[in-house]
Amino acid sequence: MRMPRFVLRQRGFSLIELMISMVIGLVVIGAMFAAYVGSGLSSRNTRAMSQITEDASIALSVMRSAIAATSYIVPDNSDANGFVSVTGGNGRENTLSGCNNTFAEPGADLAALDCSEGEGPHAIAVSYEADALNSAVSAAGVPLDCLGNDIPDSGGVRAAYQRFYIDEGALHCRGPGNDSSQALVDNVIDMRIQYGLGCDPTVDHAVNSRGCPDPAVDRGRVVRYMDAAAIRDADAALFNWALSVRLCVTVASADNVLDTASQYTDCNGDKADPPDGDDDRRMIRSFTTTITLPNRLEGRL
């Protein structure tokens, strides 16, 4: 018996259909790859911004505490009018000293602290009486400097003489408890400091050009900001400057995270090129804070 033969014809894809399928597949793969790359870049930039913000927060916090403490001193005697602070002797001289560049010799005594020549990241030195109220303390209750070292006792007073400056892309601190500076916060590439000036009531401000129409009133408010070099000029001597400090730090990411080198806004509000030129693809941001000195002492830079 003969079985009938059935011919099964199988129809395949045409060349055009295969090409269309390949194009669609490539589009899908390309979209997925672009999303993956974009996600990686976004994550990398987010991590860089978090690191920059954290570094800036630490730098500003430490310096804010030290600068604000220059207004502080423990009263050690009183009279009929109340407490009287003694500011002379035994390291009880509270003061600020600044430079428009780094210090020529950071280890020098405060009275002999000189500035390096030229312009660069600013530097500041502070001196104040440290105790458990304005400083971190050790397990034994001894006030600590910016690097966590015990502040030495000098005649019953622990004078916190600390210097902050930029060196090799990091914020350095040198305190009274160590013989050399150490990097406090990495990736800080610039620092700019201005000091708030009020009017000196002992000077005749007959001419209103300096913004002091009523010295008796205006000595208690900031009428202008100047950097350390300007304050040392003759005109700046007409001001009682120790009212506030405006502090700005510029912080970079630890790694190159940008596709190309990009300008950033510096502490003066100007556009600036990356320090290392076209090969510098770091993310760079500037952060500013203002520190009020409520119990200020008379003084000069």
Protein backbone atom coordinates (compact mmCIF):
# COMPACT_ATOMS: atom_id res chain seq x y z
CA MET A 1 0.00 0.00 0.00
CA ARG A 2 1.34 3.36 -0.94
CA MET A 3 1.12 6.16 1.61
CA PRO A 4 0.38 9.60 0.23
CA ARG A 5 3.23 12.00 0.38
CA PHE A 6 2.65 15.36 2.01
CA VAL A 7 5.25 17.96 1.26
CA LEU A 8 5.68 20.35 4.19
CA ARG A 9 6.91 23.65 3.02
CA GLN A 10 8.69 25.77 5.67
CA ARG A 11 8.85 29.42 4.99
CA GLY A 12 11.92 31.25 6.61
CA PHE A 13 12.66 34.95 7.30
CA SER A 14 13.46 37.14 4.41
CA LEU A 15 16.67 39.15 4.32
CA ILE A 16 14.75 42.37 4.90
CA GLU A 17 13.06 40.96 7.99
CA LEU A 18 16.41 39.81 9.39
CA MET A 19 17.92 43.24 8.83
CA ILE A 20 14.96 44.95 10.53
CA SER A 21 15.24 42.60 13.51
CA MET A 22 18.96 43.26 13.81
CA VAL A 23 18.42 47.03 13.70
CA ILE A 24 15.76 46.83 16.42
CA GLY A 25 18.03 44.65 18.53
CA LEU A 26 20.94 47.05 18.14
CA VAL A 27 18.74 49.99 19.11
CA VAL A 28 17.62 48.19 22.27
CA ILE A 29 21.18 47.20 23.18
CA GLY A 30 22.41 50.75 22.51
CA ALA A 31 19.72 52.23 24.75
CA MET A 32 20.58 49.79 27.53
CA PHE A 33 24.32 50.56 27.19
CA ALA A 34 23.67 54.32 27.24
CA ALA A 35 21.54 53.94 30.36
CA TYR A 36 24.27 51.87 32.00
CA VAL A 37 27.00 54.38 31.13
CA GLY A 38 24.82 57.30 32.23
CA SER A 39 24.06 55.59 35.51
CA GLY A 40 27.77 55.00 36.11
CA LEU A 41 28.68 58.63 35.37
CA SER A 42 25.87 59.90 37.58
CA SER A 43 26.94 57.65 40.42
CA ARG A 44 30.57 58.70 40.04
CA ASN A 45 29.66 62.41 40.07
CA THR A 46 27.39 61.90 43.08
CA ARG A 47 30.19 60.22 45.02
CA ALA A 48 32.60 63.01 44.07
CA MET A 49 30.15 65.71 45.18
CA SER A 50 29.56 63.90 48.49
CA GLN A 51 33.30 63.73 49.12
CA ILE A 52 33.76 67.42 48.26
CA THR A 53 30.91 68.47 50.53
CA GLU A 54 32.18 66.34 53.41
CA ASP A 55 35.74 67.68 53.10
CA ALA A 56 34.48 71.27 52.99
CA SER A 57 32.20 70.69 55.98
CA ILE A 58 35.05 69.32 58.10
CA ALA A 59 37.44 72.12 57.11
CA LEU A 60 34.93 74.90 57.79
CA SER A 61 33.72 73.33 61.04
CA VAL A 62 37.19 72.99 62.55
CA MET A 63 38.24 76.49 61.55
CA ARG A 64 34.92 78.03 62.60
CA SER A 65 35.36 76.64 66.11
CA ALA A 66 38.94 77.90 66.40
CA ILE A 67 38.23 81.37 64.99
CA ALA A 68 35.09 81.87 67.09
CA ALA A 69 37.04 80.91 70.21
CA THR A 70 39.30 83.95 69.84
CA SER A 71 36.45 85.92 71.42
CA TYR A 72 36.55 83.73 74.50
CA ILE A 73 38.48 84.15 77.72
CA VAL A 74 37.80 83.07 81.29
CA PRO A 75 37.33 86.02 83.70
CA ASP A 76 39.68 85.64 86.64
CA ASN A 77 38.80 88.60 88.84
CA SER A 78 35.95 90.98 89.45
CA ASP A 79 35.27 94.43 90.82
CA ALA A 80 32.23 96.52 91.64
CA ASN A 81 31.28 96.60 87.97
CA GLY A 82 31.38 92.82 87.52
CA PHE A 83 33.88 90.48 85.98
CA VAL A 84 37.04 91.84 84.41
CA SER A 85 38.99 89.72 81.94
CA VAL A 86 42.75 89.76 82.12
CA THR A 87 44.16 89.63 78.57
CA GLY A 88 47.86 90.06 79.24
CA GLY A 89 50.41 87.50 80.43
CA ASN A 90 50.37 83.73 80.72
CA GLY A 91 49.29 83.34 77.11
CA ARG A 92 45.96 85.08 77.69
CA GLU A 93 46.40 87.31 74.66
CA ASN A 94 43.49 86.47 72.33
CA THR A 95 44.04 87.42 68.74
CA LEU A 96 43.80 86.64 65.02
CA SER A 97 46.60 87.06 62.52
CA GLY A 98 46.27 86.55 58.78
CA CYS A 99 48.29 86.45 55.56
CA ASN A 100 47.41 86.74 51.88
CA ASN A 101 49.75 83.82 51.34
CA THR A 102 51.11 81.08 53.56
CA PHE A 103 53.30 81.75 56.60
CA ALA A 104 57.02 82.23 56.03
CA GLU A 105 57.72 80.14 59.13
CA PRO A 106 54.61 78.47 60.60
CA GLY A 107 56.49 77.48 63.74
CA ALA A 108 57.29 81.06 64.76
CA ASP A 109 55.74 82.68 67.81
CA LEU A 110 52.62 84.69 67.15
CA ALA A 111 54.40 88.02 67.55
CA ALA A 112 57.07 86.93 65.05
CA LEU A 113 54.75 85.26 62.52
CA ASP A 114 55.55 86.65 59.05
CA CYS A 115 53.86 86.13 55.69
CA SER A 116 55.45 84.68 52.58
CA GLU A 117 55.93 87.01 49.65
CA GLY A 118 53.41 87.19 46.81
CA GLU A 119 49.85 85.96 46.53
CA GLY A 120 48.50 82.50 47.23
CA PRO A 121 46.00 80.66 49.39
CA HIS A 122 45.43 82.70 52.53
CA ALA A 123 46.51 81.60 56.01
CA ILE A 124 45.27 82.42 59.50
CA ALA A 125 46.61 82.01 63.03
CA VAL A 126 44.44 82.05 66.13
CA SER A 127 45.28 82.26 69.81
CA TYR A 128 42.81 81.84 72.64
CA GLU A 129 42.45 80.35 76.09
CA ALA A 130 41.33 76.74 75.73
CA ASP A 131 39.19 74.88 78.22
CA ALA A 132 36.48 72.23 78.31
CA LEU A 133 33.85 74.76 77.19
CA ASN A 134 35.40 75.66 73.82
CA SER A 135 37.59 72.64 73.01
CA ALA A 136 37.45 68.90 72.74
CA VAL A 137 39.14 67.34 75.76
CA SER A 138 41.10 64.17 76.44
CA ALA A 139 40.01 61.44 78.84
CA ALA A 140 41.92 63.35 81.51
CA GLY A 141 39.97 66.54 80.77
CA VAL A 142 42.87 68.32 79.01
CA PRO A 143 41.85 70.58 76.06
CA LEU A 144 43.06 69.31 72.67
CA ASP A 145 44.41 71.25 69.71
CA CYS A 146 43.32 70.90 66.07
CA LEU A 147 45.29 67.66 65.67
CA GLY A 148 44.07 66.03 68.87
CA ASN A 149 47.18 66.73 70.97
CA ASP A 150 47.12 68.02 74.55
CA ILE A 151 47.49 71.80 74.78
CA PRO A 152 50.39 72.50 77.18
CA ASP A 153 49.78 74.25 80.48
CA SER A 154 51.46 77.65 80.78
CA GLY A 155 51.08 79.18 84.21
CA GLY A 156 47.63 77.70 84.72
CA VAL A 157 46.41 78.74 81.26
CA ARG A 158 46.28 76.52 78.18
CA ALA A 159 46.85 78.84 75.24
CA ALA A 160 45.60 77.36 71.96
CA TYR A 161 47.92 78.88 69.37
CA GLN A 162 46.90 77.26 66.08
CA ARG A 163 47.84 78.01 62.49
CA PHE A 164 45.82 77.01 59.41
CA TYR A 165 47.19 77.14 55.86
CA ILE A 166 47.17 75.30 52.52
CA ASP A 167 50.11 73.11 51.56
CA GLU A 168 50.29 70.63 48.66
CA GLY A 169 46.55 70.58 48.10
CA ALA A 170 45.52 70.05 51.72
CA LEU A 171 44.45 72.16 54.69
CA HIS A 172 47.24 71.95 57.27
CA CYS A 173 47.10 72.75 60.94
CA ARG A 174 49.88 73.33 63.42
CA GLY A 175 48.92 73.49 67.07
CA PRO A 176 50.77 74.09 70.32
CA GLY A 177 50.83 70.38 71.08
CA ASN A 178 52.95 69.35 68.06
CA ASP A 179 56.30 70.35 66.59
CA SER A 180 55.19 70.22 62.95
CA SER A 181 52.05 70.69 60.91
CA GLN A 182 49.91 67.87 59.62
CA ALA A 183 47.33 67.64 56.87
CA LEU A 184 43.94 68.17 58.46
CA VAL A 185 41.72 67.85 55.37
CA ASP A 186 42.86 66.66 51.93
CA ASN A 187 41.74 68.08 48.56
CA VAL A 188 41.51 71.71 49.78
CA ILE A 189 43.23 73.64 47.00
CA ASP A 190 42.51 77.25 48.01
CA MET A 191 41.45 79.37 50.97
CA ARG A 192 40.43 83.03 51.05
CA ILE A 193 39.78 85.02 54.22
CA GLN A 194 38.28 88.47 54.72
CA TYR A 195 37.77 90.29 57.99
CA GLY A 196 34.72 92.33 58.91
CA LEU A 197 35.56 95.93 59.80
CA GLY A 198 33.69 98.25 62.13
CA CYS A 199 34.49 101.87 62.90
CA ASP A 200 37.06 102.93 65.46
CA PRO A 201 35.31 105.32 67.89
CA THR A 202 38.63 106.98 68.81
CA VAL A 203 39.13 108.28 65.25
CA ASP A 204 37.43 111.36 63.82
CA HIS A 205 35.38 110.16 60.87
CA ALA A 206 34.30 113.62 59.76
CA VAL A 207 34.41 112.49 56.14
CA ASN A 208 31.79 109.88 55.35
CA SER A 209 33.85 108.25 52.60
CA ARG A 210 34.73 105.31 54.82
CA GLY A 211 31.14 104.43 55.58
CA CYS A 212 31.28 105.39 59.25
CA PRO A 213 28.78 108.24 59.73
CA ASP A 214 28.35 107.49 63.43
CA PRO A 215 31.40 105.71 64.91
CA ALA A 216 29.70 105.28 68.27
CA VAL A 217 27.07 103.14 66.54
CA ASP A 218 28.91 101.77 63.53
CA ARG A 219 31.77 100.27 65.55
CA GLY A 220 29.32 97.52 66.44
CA ARG A 221 28.48 96.53 62.86
CA VAL A 222 30.48 95.45 59.85
CA VAL A 223 30.86 98.32 57.40
CA ARG A 224 33.19 96.51 55.00
CA TYR A 225 35.31 93.40 54.48
CA MET A 226 39.04 93.46 53.77
CA ASP A 227 41.75 90.84 53.46
CA ALA A 228 44.80 90.77 55.71
CA ALA A 229 47.03 92.77 53.34
CA ALA A 230 44.49 95.57 53.00
CA ILE A 231 44.00 95.79 56.75
CA ARG A 232 47.71 96.45 57.16
CA ASP A 233 47.38 99.57 54.98
CA ALA A 234 47.22 102.99 56.61
CA ASP A 235 43.51 103.54 55.96
CA ALA A 236 42.58 100.24 57.53
CA ALA A 237 44.12 101.46 60.80
CA LEU A 238 41.04 103.66 61.16
CA PHE A 239 38.88 100.59 61.70
CA ASN A 240 38.22 98.25 64.57
CA TRP A 241 38.35 95.13 62.40
CA ALA A 242 37.62 92.28 64.81
CA LEU A 243 33.88 91.90 64.20
CA SER A 244 33.60 88.85 61.94
CA VAL A 245 35.56 86.61 59.60
CA ARG A 246 34.40 85.50 56.16
CA LEU A 247 36.04 82.19 55.30
CA CYS A 248 35.99 80.45 51.92
CA VAL A 249 37.59 77.15 50.94
CA THR A 250 37.83 75.61 47.47
CA VAL A 251 37.72 71.82 47.46
CA ALA A 252 38.42 69.36 44.62
CA SER A 253 37.34 65.78 44.10
CA ALA A 254 39.95 63.17 44.93
CA ASP A 255 39.82 61.73 41.38
CA ASN A 256 39.24 62.90 37.82
CA VAL A 257 35.50 62.44 37.35
CA LEU A 258 34.67 64.85 34.53
CA ASP A 259 34.93 64.05 30.82
CA THR A 260 36.96 67.19 30.15
CA ALA A 261 38.62 69.91 32.21
CA SER A 262 36.00 72.42 33.33
CA GLN A 263 36.12 75.90 34.84
CA TYR A 264 34.81 76.43 38.36
CA THR A 265 33.69 79.43 40.42
CA ASP A 266 36.40 80.50 42.87
CA CYS A 267 36.06 82.25 46.24
CA ASN A 268 35.98 85.66 44.53
CA GLY A 269 33.00 84.63 42.41
CA ASP A 270 35.13 84.53 39.24
CA LYS A 271 35.49 81.71 36.73
CA ALA A 272 38.82 79.94 37.12
CA ASP A 273 40.64 77.22 35.21
CA PRO A 274 41.61 73.96 36.96
CA PRO A 275 45.02 74.21 38.67
CA ASP A 276 46.59 71.44 36.57
CA GLY A 277 45.33 72.64 33.19
CA ASP A 278 43.63 70.49 30.55
CA ASP A 279 44.60 67.25 32.30
CA ASP A 280 42.78 68.28 35.46
CA ARG A 281 39.30 66.74 35.22
CA ARG A 282 38.45 67.02 38.89
CA MET A 283 35.16 68.44 40.11
CA ILE A 284 35.88 71.66 42.05
CA ARG A 285 33.55 73.70 44.27
CA SER A 286 33.90 76.68 46.64
CA PHE A 287 32.18 76.98 50.03
CA THR A 288 31.82 80.14 52.18
CA THR A 289 30.85 80.76 55.78
CA THR A 290 30.83 83.86 57.99
CA ILE A 291 31.94 83.67 61.62
CA THR A 292 30.74 86.33 64.05
CA LEU A 293 33.00 87.33 66.94
CA PRO A 294 30.47 88.49 69.54
CA ASN A 295 32.89 89.08 72.46
CA ARG A 296 35.66 90.55 70.39
CA LEU A 297 38.80 92.11 71.80
CA GLU A 298 40.46 95.16 70.32
CA GLY A 299 43.30 94.10 68.02
CA ARG A 300 45.01 94.42 64.70
CA LEU A 301 46.35 91.99 62.17
